Amino acid sequence: MLDGAGEPVPPVPLEIAASYRARTRGLLGRDGIDGAILLTPASSVHTFRMRFAIDVAHLDRRFRVIAVRTMRPGRLGAIRPRARYVLEAEAGAMAAWGLRPGVRIAIATGQDLRT
C-alpha cells in the first residue's frame, strides 16, 4: 500500500472476508481490530450493533479507492455501484495510512482468509 505521497506504508494486517457468513459477521461483536478487514464482494456496509467507529473505503475491481468515510455505530452506508470491495478499519487508521480516493492498494499473499 502507498501513502498519500506515494511512499510505501508498512504492511497492515489484513483479514479477508470472502464468504457470505464472514462478510455478514465482519467486525460485529469486536471491540477493535488490529489492521483491516476486506469484504469481497461488497458495495456497501452498515454499522448496526458495532461497538466502535470505523473507516470504510470502497474499492473498485482494481483495488483503487473510490471513496473513504468514517462511520459511527448505528449507521447505514451508501451503496457504491462501482465498488467491488470494502475495506474496514478502526476510525482514523485510513487517514494515517494515506488512503484517499484514487490511491491503489496492494494485497500481499499469506493473508488470514476468514470463511
N, C-alpha and C. Protein backbone atom coordinates (compact mmCIF):
# COMPACT_ATOMS: atom_id res chain seq x y z
N MET A 1 0.85 -1.17 0.00
CA MET A 1 0.00 0.00 0.00
C MET A 1 0.90 1.24 0.00
N LEU A 2 0.47 2.30 -0.66
CA LEU A 2 1.21 3.55 -0.70
C LEU A 2 0.46 4.62 0.05
N ASP A 3 1.19 5.53 0.70
CA ASP A 3 0.52 6.63 1.40
C ASP A 3 0.20 7.74 0.41
N GLY A 4 -0.35 8.84 0.88
CA GLY A 4 -0.78 9.94 0.01
C GLY A 4 0.34 10.55 -0.80
N ALA A 5 1.60 10.43 -0.34
CA ALA A 5 2.74 10.99 -1.05
C ALA A 5 3.39 9.98 -1.97
N GLY A 6 2.80 8.79 -2.08
CA GLY A 6 3.36 7.76 -2.95
C GLY A 6 4.42 6.91 -2.28
N GLU A 7 4.63 7.10 -0.99
CA GLU A 7 5.60 6.32 -0.24
C GLU A 7 4.96 5.04 0.26
N PRO A 8 5.71 3.95 0.31
CA PRO A 8 5.14 2.70 0.82
C PRO A 8 4.75 2.81 2.29
N VAL A 9 3.61 2.20 2.62
CA VAL A 9 3.15 2.12 4.00
C VAL A 9 3.56 0.74 4.51
N PRO A 10 4.06 0.65 5.76
CA PRO A 10 4.39 -0.68 6.28
C PRO A 10 3.18 -1.61 6.15
N PRO A 11 3.43 -2.91 5.99
CA PRO A 11 2.31 -3.85 5.85
C PRO A 11 1.29 -3.72 6.98
N VAL A 12 0.03 -3.83 6.61
CA VAL A 12 -1.08 -3.75 7.55
C VAL A 12 -1.70 -5.14 7.65
N PRO A 13 -1.87 -5.68 8.87
CA PRO A 13 -2.54 -6.98 8.99
C PRO A 13 -3.92 -6.91 8.34
N LEU A 14 -4.25 -7.92 7.55
CA LEU A 14 -5.49 -7.90 6.80
C LEU A 14 -6.21 -9.23 6.92
N GLU A 15 -7.50 -9.15 7.24
CA GLU A 15 -8.37 -10.32 7.19
C GLU A 15 -9.19 -10.19 5.92
N ILE A 16 -9.45 -11.30 5.27
CA ILE A 16 -10.27 -11.28 4.06
C ILE A 16 -11.56 -12.06 4.34
N ALA A 17 -12.68 -11.38 4.21
CA ALA A 17 -14.00 -11.99 4.42
C ALA A 17 -14.61 -12.23 3.05
N ALA A 18 -14.47 -13.46 2.56
CA ALA A 18 -14.92 -13.78 1.21
C ALA A 18 -16.23 -14.57 1.17
N SER A 19 -16.60 -15.20 2.26
CA SER A 19 -17.85 -15.97 2.27
C SER A 19 -18.99 -15.09 2.76
N TYR A 20 -20.20 -15.51 2.45
CA TYR A 20 -21.37 -14.75 2.91
C TYR A 20 -21.35 -14.62 4.44
N ARG A 21 -21.08 -15.72 5.11
CA ARG A 21 -21.06 -15.72 6.59
C ARG A 21 -20.00 -14.76 7.14
N ALA A 22 -18.80 -14.80 6.58
CA ALA A 22 -17.72 -13.93 7.05
C ALA A 22 -18.04 -12.46 6.78
N ARG A 23 -18.62 -12.16 5.61
CA ARG A 23 -18.98 -10.77 5.30
C ARG A 23 -20.08 -10.28 6.22
N THR A 24 -21.06 -11.14 6.52
CA THR A 24 -22.16 -10.76 7.40
C THR A 24 -21.65 -10.48 8.81
N ARG A 25 -20.73 -11.29 9.27
CA ARG A 25 -20.17 -11.12 10.61
C ARG A 25 -19.26 -9.89 10.65
N GLY A 26 -18.39 -9.74 9.68
CA GLY A 26 -17.50 -8.59 9.61
C GLY A 26 -16.85 -8.25 10.94
N LEU A 27 -17.06 -7.03 11.41
CA LEU A 27 -16.48 -6.57 12.68
C LEU A 27 -17.48 -6.61 13.83
N LEU A 28 -18.66 -7.19 13.61
CA LEU A 28 -19.67 -7.25 14.66
C LEU A 28 -19.17 -8.06 15.85
N GLY A 29 -19.44 -7.56 17.04
CA GLY A 29 -19.06 -8.25 18.27
C GLY A 29 -17.63 -8.01 18.70
N ARG A 30 -16.89 -7.23 17.95
CA ARG A 30 -15.49 -6.95 18.31
C ARG A 30 -15.39 -5.60 19.00
N ASP A 31 -14.33 -5.44 19.77
CA ASP A 31 -14.05 -4.17 20.43
C ASP A 31 -13.04 -3.34 19.65
N GLY A 32 -12.49 -3.90 18.59
CA GLY A 32 -11.49 -3.20 17.77
C GLY A 32 -10.90 -4.18 16.78
N ILE A 33 -9.97 -3.69 15.98
CA ILE A 33 -9.28 -4.54 15.00
C ILE A 33 -7.86 -4.02 14.84
N ASP A 34 -6.94 -4.95 14.78
CA ASP A 34 -5.54 -4.62 14.51
C ASP A 34 -5.35 -4.77 13.01
N GLY A 35 -5.33 -3.69 12.29
CA GLY A 35 -5.23 -3.73 10.84
C GLY A 35 -6.56 -3.44 10.18
N ALA A 36 -6.95 -4.29 9.24
CA ALA A 36 -8.17 -4.05 8.47
C ALA A 36 -8.81 -5.37 8.06
N ILE A 37 -10.05 -5.26 7.58
CA ILE A 37 -10.76 -6.41 7.04
C ILE A 37 -11.27 -6.01 5.65
N LEU A 38 -11.10 -6.90 4.69
CA LEU A 38 -11.54 -6.67 3.32
C LEU A 38 -12.76 -7.55 3.07
N LEU A 39 -13.88 -6.92 2.73
CA LEU A 39 -15.11 -7.64 2.40
C LEU A 39 -15.18 -7.78 0.88
N THR A 40 -15.34 -9.02 0.41
CA THR A 40 -15.37 -9.27 -1.02
C THR A 40 -16.39 -10.35 -1.35
N PRO A 41 -17.27 -10.14 -2.29
CA PRO A 41 -17.60 -8.86 -2.91
C PRO A 41 -18.47 -8.04 -1.97
N ALA A 42 -18.41 -6.73 -2.11
CA ALA A 42 -19.24 -5.83 -1.30
C ALA A 42 -19.26 -4.46 -1.94
N SER A 43 -20.40 -3.78 -1.81
CA SER A 43 -20.51 -2.42 -2.34
C SER A 43 -21.10 -1.46 -1.30
N SER A 44 -21.48 -2.00 -0.13
CA SER A 44 -21.98 -1.14 0.95
C SER A 44 -21.84 -1.88 2.27
N VAL A 45 -21.92 -1.13 3.37
CA VAL A 45 -21.84 -1.72 4.71
C VAL A 45 -22.77 -0.96 5.64
N HIS A 46 -22.96 -1.54 6.82
CA HIS A 46 -23.69 -0.85 7.88
C HIS A 46 -22.91 -1.02 9.17
N THR A 47 -23.24 -0.21 10.16
CA THR A 47 -22.55 -0.31 11.45
C THR A 47 -23.54 -0.57 12.58
N PHE A 48 -24.68 -1.16 12.27
CA PHE A 48 -25.63 -1.52 13.31
C PHE A 48 -25.00 -2.58 14.21
N ARG A 49 -25.16 -2.43 15.51
CA ARG A 49 -24.60 -3.32 16.54
C ARG A 49 -23.08 -3.28 16.62
N MET A 50 -22.45 -2.28 16.00
CA MET A 50 -21.00 -2.13 16.11
C MET A 50 -20.68 -1.46 17.44
N ARG A 51 -19.50 -1.73 17.97
CA ARG A 51 -19.08 -1.18 19.26
C ARG A 51 -18.14 0.01 19.12
N PHE A 52 -17.70 0.30 17.90
CA PHE A 52 -16.74 1.38 17.71
C PHE A 52 -16.92 1.96 16.30
N ALA A 53 -16.43 3.19 16.12
CA ALA A 53 -16.49 3.84 14.81
C ALA A 53 -15.44 3.22 13.89
N ILE A 54 -15.76 3.16 12.60
CA ILE A 54 -14.83 2.58 11.63
C ILE A 54 -14.61 3.50 10.44
N ASP A 55 -13.47 3.34 9.80
CA ASP A 55 -13.22 3.93 8.49
C ASP A 55 -13.63 2.91 7.46
N VAL A 56 -14.25 3.36 6.39
CA VAL A 56 -14.71 2.50 5.31
C VAL A 56 -14.16 3.04 4.00
N ALA A 57 -13.48 2.19 3.24
CA ALA A 57 -13.00 2.56 1.91
C ALA A 57 -13.66 1.63 0.90
N HIS A 58 -14.32 2.21 -0.09
CA HIS A 58 -14.90 1.44 -1.19
C HIS A 58 -13.85 1.35 -2.28
N LEU A 59 -13.62 0.14 -2.78
CA LEU A 59 -12.59 -0.10 -3.78
C LEU A 59 -13.20 -0.64 -5.07
N ASP A 60 -12.63 -0.25 -6.21
CA ASP A 60 -13.11 -0.80 -7.48
C ASP A 60 -12.43 -2.14 -7.74
N ARG A 61 -12.66 -2.72 -8.90
CA ARG A 61 -12.14 -4.05 -9.20
C ARG A 61 -10.62 -4.09 -9.30
N ARG A 62 -9.98 -2.93 -9.43
CA ARG A 62 -8.52 -2.85 -9.49
C ARG A 62 -7.91 -2.42 -8.16
N PHE A 63 -8.73 -2.46 -7.12
CA PHE A 63 -8.32 -2.07 -5.76
C PHE A 63 -7.95 -0.59 -5.65
N ARG A 64 -8.56 0.23 -6.50
CA ARG A 64 -8.38 1.68 -6.41
C ARG A 64 -9.50 2.23 -5.52
N VAL A 65 -9.14 3.14 -4.63
CA VAL A 65 -10.10 3.70 -3.67
C VAL A 65 -11.07 4.63 -4.39
N ILE A 66 -12.36 4.35 -4.24
CA ILE A 66 -13.42 5.19 -4.81
C ILE A 66 -13.83 6.26 -3.81
N ALA A 67 -14.00 5.87 -2.56
CA ALA A 67 -14.45 6.79 -1.52
C ALA A 67 -13.99 6.28 -0.15
N VAL A 68 -13.77 7.21 0.76
CA VAL A 68 -13.40 6.87 2.14
C VAL A 68 -14.28 7.71 3.06
N ARG A 69 -14.81 7.07 4.09
CA ARG A 69 -15.57 7.83 5.08
C ARG A 69 -15.49 7.14 6.43
N THR A 70 -15.75 7.90 7.47
CA THR A 70 -15.80 7.36 8.83
C THR A 70 -17.26 7.19 9.20
N MET A 71 -17.59 6.02 9.76
CA MET A 71 -18.97 5.73 10.14
C MET A 71 -19.04 5.42 11.63
N ARG A 72 -19.93 6.11 12.31
CA ARG A 72 -20.20 5.81 13.71
C ARG A 72 -21.12 4.60 13.79
N PRO A 73 -21.17 3.96 14.97
CA PRO A 73 -22.10 2.83 15.13
C PRO A 73 -23.55 3.24 14.85
N GLY A 74 -24.32 2.29 14.31
CA GLY A 74 -25.74 2.53 14.06
C GLY A 74 -26.05 3.26 12.76
N ARG A 75 -25.15 3.21 11.79
CA ARG A 75 -25.34 3.92 10.52
C ARG A 75 -25.47 2.93 9.36
N LEU A 76 -26.13 3.39 8.30
CA LEU A 76 -26.26 2.62 7.07
C LEU A 76 -25.48 3.36 5.99
N GLY A 77 -24.50 2.70 5.40
CA GLY A 77 -23.67 3.32 4.38
C GLY A 77 -24.34 3.32 3.02
N ALA A 78 -23.93 4.27 2.20
CA ALA A 78 -24.45 4.37 0.84
C ALA A 78 -23.92 3.23 -0.02
N ILE A 79 -24.71 2.80 -0.98
CA ILE A 79 -24.27 1.80 -1.94
C ILE A 79 -23.42 2.50 -2.99
N ARG A 80 -22.26 1.94 -3.27
CA ARG A 80 -21.37 2.47 -4.31
C ARG A 80 -21.39 1.45 -5.45
N PRO A 81 -22.15 1.72 -6.51
CA PRO A 81 -22.32 0.74 -7.59
C PRO A 81 -21.02 0.25 -8.22
N ARG A 82 -19.99 1.09 -8.31
CA ARG A 82 -18.73 0.68 -8.92
C ARG A 82 -17.84 -0.13 -7.97
N ALA A 83 -18.18 -0.14 -6.68
CA ALA A 83 -17.35 -0.84 -5.70
C ALA A 83 -17.48 -2.35 -5.83
N ARG A 84 -16.36 -3.02 -5.72
CA ARG A 84 -16.32 -4.48 -5.71
C ARG A 84 -15.86 -5.01 -4.35
N TYR A 85 -15.18 -4.13 -3.59
CA TYR A 85 -14.64 -4.49 -2.29
C TYR A 85 -14.88 -3.35 -1.31
N VAL A 86 -14.93 -3.69 -0.02
CA VAL A 86 -14.99 -2.68 1.03
C VAL A 86 -13.90 -3.02 2.03
N LEU A 87 -13.09 -2.04 2.36
CA LEU A 87 -12.04 -2.18 3.35
C LEU A 87 -12.48 -1.46 4.61
N GLU A 88 -12.43 -2.15 5.76
CA GLU A 88 -12.84 -1.55 7.03
C GLU A 88 -11.67 -1.58 8.01
N ALA A 89 -11.55 -0.51 8.79
CA ALA A 89 -10.52 -0.40 9.83
C ALA A 89 -11.05 0.51 10.92
N GLU A 90 -10.34 0.58 12.05
CA GLU A 90 -10.76 1.48 13.12
C GLU A 90 -10.69 2.93 12.63
N ALA A 91 -11.58 3.75 13.14
CA ALA A 91 -11.64 5.16 12.74
C ALA A 91 -10.27 5.81 12.92
N GLY A 92 -9.83 6.53 11.90
CA GLY A 92 -8.56 7.24 11.94
C GLY A 92 -7.42 6.49 11.27
N ALA A 93 -7.56 5.18 11.12
CA ALA A 93 -6.48 4.37 10.55
C ALA A 93 -6.20 4.73 9.09
N MET A 94 -7.25 4.92 8.31
CA MET A 94 -7.04 5.14 6.88
C MET A 94 -6.38 6.49 6.60
N ALA A 95 -6.69 7.49 7.40
CA ALA A 95 -6.01 8.78 7.25
C ALA A 95 -4.53 8.61 7.57
N ALA A 96 -4.22 7.82 8.58
CA ALA A 96 -2.82 7.58 8.95
C ALA A 96 -2.09 6.82 7.84
N TRP A 97 -2.82 5.95 7.12
CA TRP A 97 -2.22 5.20 6.02
C TRP A 97 -2.17 6.01 4.73
N GLY A 98 -2.82 7.16 4.69
CA GLY A 98 -2.85 7.98 3.48
C GLY A 98 -3.85 7.51 2.45
N LEU A 99 -4.84 6.74 2.86
CA LEU A 99 -5.87 6.28 1.93
C LEU A 99 -6.81 7.42 1.60
N ARG A 100 -6.98 7.66 0.31
CA ARG A 100 -7.91 8.68 -0.18
C ARG A 100 -8.32 8.25 -1.58
N PRO A 101 -9.39 8.83 -2.12
CA PRO A 101 -9.82 8.45 -3.47
C PRO A 101 -8.68 8.55 -4.48
N GLY A 102 -8.59 7.53 -5.33
CA GLY A 102 -7.55 7.48 -6.35
C GLY A 102 -6.35 6.63 -5.99
N VAL A 103 -6.12 6.40 -4.71
CA VAL A 103 -4.99 5.58 -4.27
C VAL A 103 -5.31 4.12 -4.55
N ARG A 104 -4.33 3.38 -5.01
CA ARG A 104 -4.50 1.95 -5.27
C ARG A 104 -3.77 1.17 -4.19
N ILE A 105 -4.45 0.16 -3.63
CA ILE A 105 -3.82 -0.64 -2.59
C ILE A 105 -3.32 -1.96 -3.18
N ALA A 106 -2.34 -2.54 -2.53
CA ALA A 106 -1.81 -3.84 -2.93
C ALA A 106 -2.04 -4.80 -1.77
N ILE A 107 -2.42 -6.02 -2.10
CA ILE A 107 -2.64 -7.04 -1.08
C ILE A 107 -1.60 -8.13 -1.28
N ALA A 108 -0.83 -8.38 -0.21
CA ALA A 108 0.22 -9.40 -0.25
C ALA A 108 -0.39 -10.78 0.03
N THR A 109 0.27 -11.80 -0.41
CA THR A 109 -0.20 -13.17 -0.16
C THR A 109 0.05 -13.56 1.28
N GLY A 110 -0.56 -14.66 1.68
CA GLY A 110 -0.38 -15.16 3.03
C GLY A 110 -1.28 -14.48 4.05
N GLN A 111 -2.38 -13.91 3.60
CA GLN A 111 -3.30 -13.22 4.50
C GLN A 111 -4.21 -14.21 5.19
N ASP A 112 -4.86 -13.77 6.26
CA ASP A 112 -5.80 -14.58 7.03
C ASP A 112 -7.13 -14.62 6.28
N LEU A 113 -7.49 -15.78 5.73
CA LEU A 113 -8.74 -15.93 4.98
C LEU A 113 -9.82 -16.41 5.90
N ARG A 114 -10.84 -15.57 6.16
CA ARG A 114 -11.96 -15.92 7.03
C ARG A 114 -13.06 -16.52 6.19
N THR A 115 -13.58 -17.66 6.60
CA THR A 115 -14.68 -18.27 5.86
C THR A 115 -15.87 -18.48 6.75
